[in-house]
N, C-alpha and C. Protein backbone atom coordinates (compact mmCIF):
# COMPACT_ATOMS: atom_id res chain seq x y z
N MET A 1 34.39 113.57 -5.84
CA MET A 1 33.76 112.43 -5.16
C MET A 1 33.30 112.41 -4.06
N LEU A 2 31.62 111.98 -3.92
CA LEU A 2 31.01 112.43 -2.55
C LEU A 2 30.95 111.47 -1.66
N PHE A 3 31.06 111.24 -0.61
CA PHE A 3 30.07 110.07 0.28
C PHE A 3 29.40 110.06 0.93
N ASP A 4 28.62 109.01 1.55
CA ASP A 4 27.55 109.05 2.24
C ASP A 4 27.67 109.23 3.99
N LEU A 5 28.73 108.61 4.19
CA LEU A 5 28.81 108.41 5.30
C LEU A 5 30.37 108.33 5.84
N LEU A 6 30.98 108.41 7.45
CA LEU A 6 31.76 108.98 7.33
C LEU A 6 32.41 108.06 8.66
N THR A 7 33.46 106.60 8.56
CA THR A 7 33.72 106.09 9.67
C THR A 7 35.28 106.94 10.06
N ARG A 8 35.30 106.80 11.25
CA ARG A 8 36.84 107.38 12.01
C ARG A 8 37.00 106.53 13.32
N ASP A 9 38.21 106.16 13.74
CA ASP A 9 38.85 105.71 14.75
C ASP A 9 38.59 106.59 15.49
N ILE A 10 38.64 106.93 16.71
CA ILE A 10 38.46 107.83 17.50
C ILE A 10 39.72 107.74 18.34
N ARG A 11 40.25 106.59 18.66
CA ARG A 11 42.06 106.11 19.66
C ARG A 11 42.90 106.29 18.58
N MET A 12 43.35 107.05 17.55
CA MET A 12 44.58 106.91 16.71
C MET A 12 45.59 107.20 17.67
N LEU A 13 46.92 107.41 16.99
CA LEU A 13 48.52 107.23 17.86
C LEU A 13 48.40 108.88 17.84
N GLU A 14 48.25 109.32 16.29
CA GLU A 14 48.79 110.82 16.35
C GLU A 14 47.52 111.38 16.01
N GLU A 15 46.55 111.31 15.88
CA GLU A 15 45.53 112.39 15.61
C GLU A 15 44.24 111.56 16.58
N ASP A 16 43.16 112.74 16.83
CA ASP A 16 41.85 112.65 17.55
C ASP A 16 41.12 112.27 16.32
N GLY A 17 40.48 111.33 16.36
CA GLY A 17 39.19 111.09 15.57
C GLY A 17 38.25 111.73 15.77
N CYS A 18 37.37 112.10 16.69
CA CYS A 18 36.79 112.92 17.62
C CYS A 18 36.99 114.43 16.98
N ALA A 19 38.05 114.77 17.19
CA ALA A 19 38.38 116.39 16.58
C ALA A 19 38.12 116.31 14.85
N LEU A 20 38.61 115.26 14.20
CA LEU A 20 38.13 115.33 12.82
C LEU A 20 36.95 115.46 12.52
N VAL A 21 36.20 114.72 13.27
CA VAL A 21 34.39 114.97 12.85
C VAL A 21 34.43 116.03 13.25
N ARG A 22 34.64 116.86 14.61
CA ARG A 22 33.98 117.78 14.70
C ARG A 22 34.52 119.31 13.64
N GLN A 23 35.52 118.96 13.14
CA GLN A 23 35.95 119.76 12.13
C GLN A 23 34.98 119.38 10.77
N VAL A 24 34.37 118.51 10.44
CA VAL A 24 33.88 118.30 9.11
C VAL A 24 32.49 118.87 9.70
N ARG A 25 32.14 118.86 11.11
CA ARG A 25 30.56 119.28 11.64
C ARG A 25 30.54 120.80 11.23
N SER A 26 31.66 121.50 11.34
CA SER A 26 32.05 122.81 11.39
C SER A 26 31.89 123.14 9.56
N LEU A 27 31.65 122.35 8.74
CA LEU A 27 31.53 122.56 7.72
C LEU A 27 30.14 122.81 7.08
N LYS A 28 29.59 123.34 6.01
CA LYS A 28 28.33 124.25 5.81
C LYS A 28 27.69 122.82 5.05
N PRO A 29 26.41 123.10 5.20
CA PRO A 29 25.83 121.62 4.61
C PRO A 29 25.79 121.08 3.11
N GLU A 30 25.97 122.01 1.93
CA GLU A 30 26.81 122.18 0.82
C GLU A 30 27.39 121.19 0.97
N GLN A 31 29.02 121.60 1.71
CA GLN A 31 29.76 121.23 1.83
C GLN A 31 30.21 119.67 2.61
N ARG A 32 28.99 119.46 2.46
CA ARG A 32 28.59 118.22 3.29
C ARG A 32 29.18 117.88 4.99
N GLY A 33 28.80 119.26 5.80
CA GLY A 33 29.39 119.33 7.15
C GLY A 33 28.01 118.37 7.83
N GLN A 34 27.38 118.26 7.61
CA GLN A 34 26.24 117.11 8.20
C GLN A 34 26.36 115.86 7.43
N ILE A 35 27.82 114.97 7.16
CA ILE A 35 27.72 113.49 6.75
C ILE A 35 27.20 112.98 7.75
N PRO A 36 26.54 111.78 7.70
CA PRO A 36 26.58 111.05 9.18
C PRO A 36 27.76 110.42 9.27
N ALA A 37 28.08 109.95 10.68
CA ALA A 37 29.57 109.86 11.29
C ALA A 37 29.11 108.42 12.36
N ILE A 38 30.20 107.57 12.03
CA ILE A 38 30.26 106.45 12.93
C ILE A 38 31.68 106.55 13.91
N ALA A 39 31.84 106.11 15.26
CA ALA A 39 33.06 106.49 15.89
C ALA A 39 33.66 104.96 16.20
N LEU A 40 34.46 104.38 15.77
CA LEU A 40 34.85 103.14 15.94
C LEU A 40 36.05 103.01 16.87
N THR A 41 36.46 102.05 17.70
CA THR A 41 38.04 102.36 18.15
C THR A 41 37.71 100.45 19.39
N ILE A 42 38.95 100.07 19.58
CA ILE A 42 38.80 99.26 20.38
C ILE A 42 39.38 99.39 21.56
N TYR A 43 40.04 100.72 21.36
CA TYR A 43 40.64 101.54 23.02
C TYR A 43 39.46 102.48 23.33
N ALA A 44 38.15 102.27 23.69
CA ALA A 44 37.21 103.01 24.55
C ALA A 44 36.96 103.08 26.04
N GLY A 45 36.97 103.92 26.47
CA GLY A 45 36.62 104.23 27.50
C GLY A 45 35.02 105.01 27.88
N GLU A 46 34.92 104.96 29.18
CA GLU A 46 33.68 105.59 29.72
C GLU A 46 33.89 107.30 29.15
N SER A 47 35.03 108.13 29.33
CA SER A 47 35.07 109.15 28.51
C SER A 47 35.24 109.23 27.14
N ASP A 48 35.48 108.25 26.35
CA ASP A 48 35.16 108.24 25.21
C ASP A 48 34.04 107.89 24.46
N ARG A 49 32.95 107.18 25.42
CA ARG A 49 31.62 107.00 25.11
C ARG A 49 31.18 108.61 25.34
N LYS A 50 31.19 109.01 26.34
CA LYS A 50 30.48 110.42 26.87
C LYS A 50 30.49 111.23 25.81
N THR A 51 32.20 111.09 25.44
CA THR A 51 32.21 112.57 23.82
C THR A 51 31.20 112.10 22.59
N VAL A 52 31.06 110.90 22.38
CA VAL A 52 30.41 110.09 20.99
C VAL A 52 29.35 110.69 21.20
N GLN A 53 28.87 110.63 22.64
CA GLN A 53 27.12 110.97 22.73
C GLN A 53 26.33 112.50 23.20
N SER A 54 27.76 113.53 23.24
CA SER A 54 27.28 114.81 23.79
C SER A 54 27.03 115.62 22.01
N SER A 55 26.47 116.42 22.32
CA SER A 55 26.34 117.23 21.24
C SER A 55 27.70 117.74 20.33
N SER A 56 28.30 117.84 21.56
CA SER A 56 30.00 118.72 20.99
C SER A 56 30.42 117.84 19.66
N PHE A 57 29.84 116.91 19.90
CA PHE A 57 31.11 115.35 18.52
C PHE A 57 29.40 115.72 17.50
């Protein structure tokens, strides 16, 4: 099954959503490594905003 969009909470209790998106981004394009991603959270701080806006995300 292929998906067209990745949505992820960046502030989860036991997992870092940003790390997951970086892991997906490390995949080859044919493995869907360039799938569009949306980061969501209700607990965001200034550092979270900077992280998701940076090229490392």
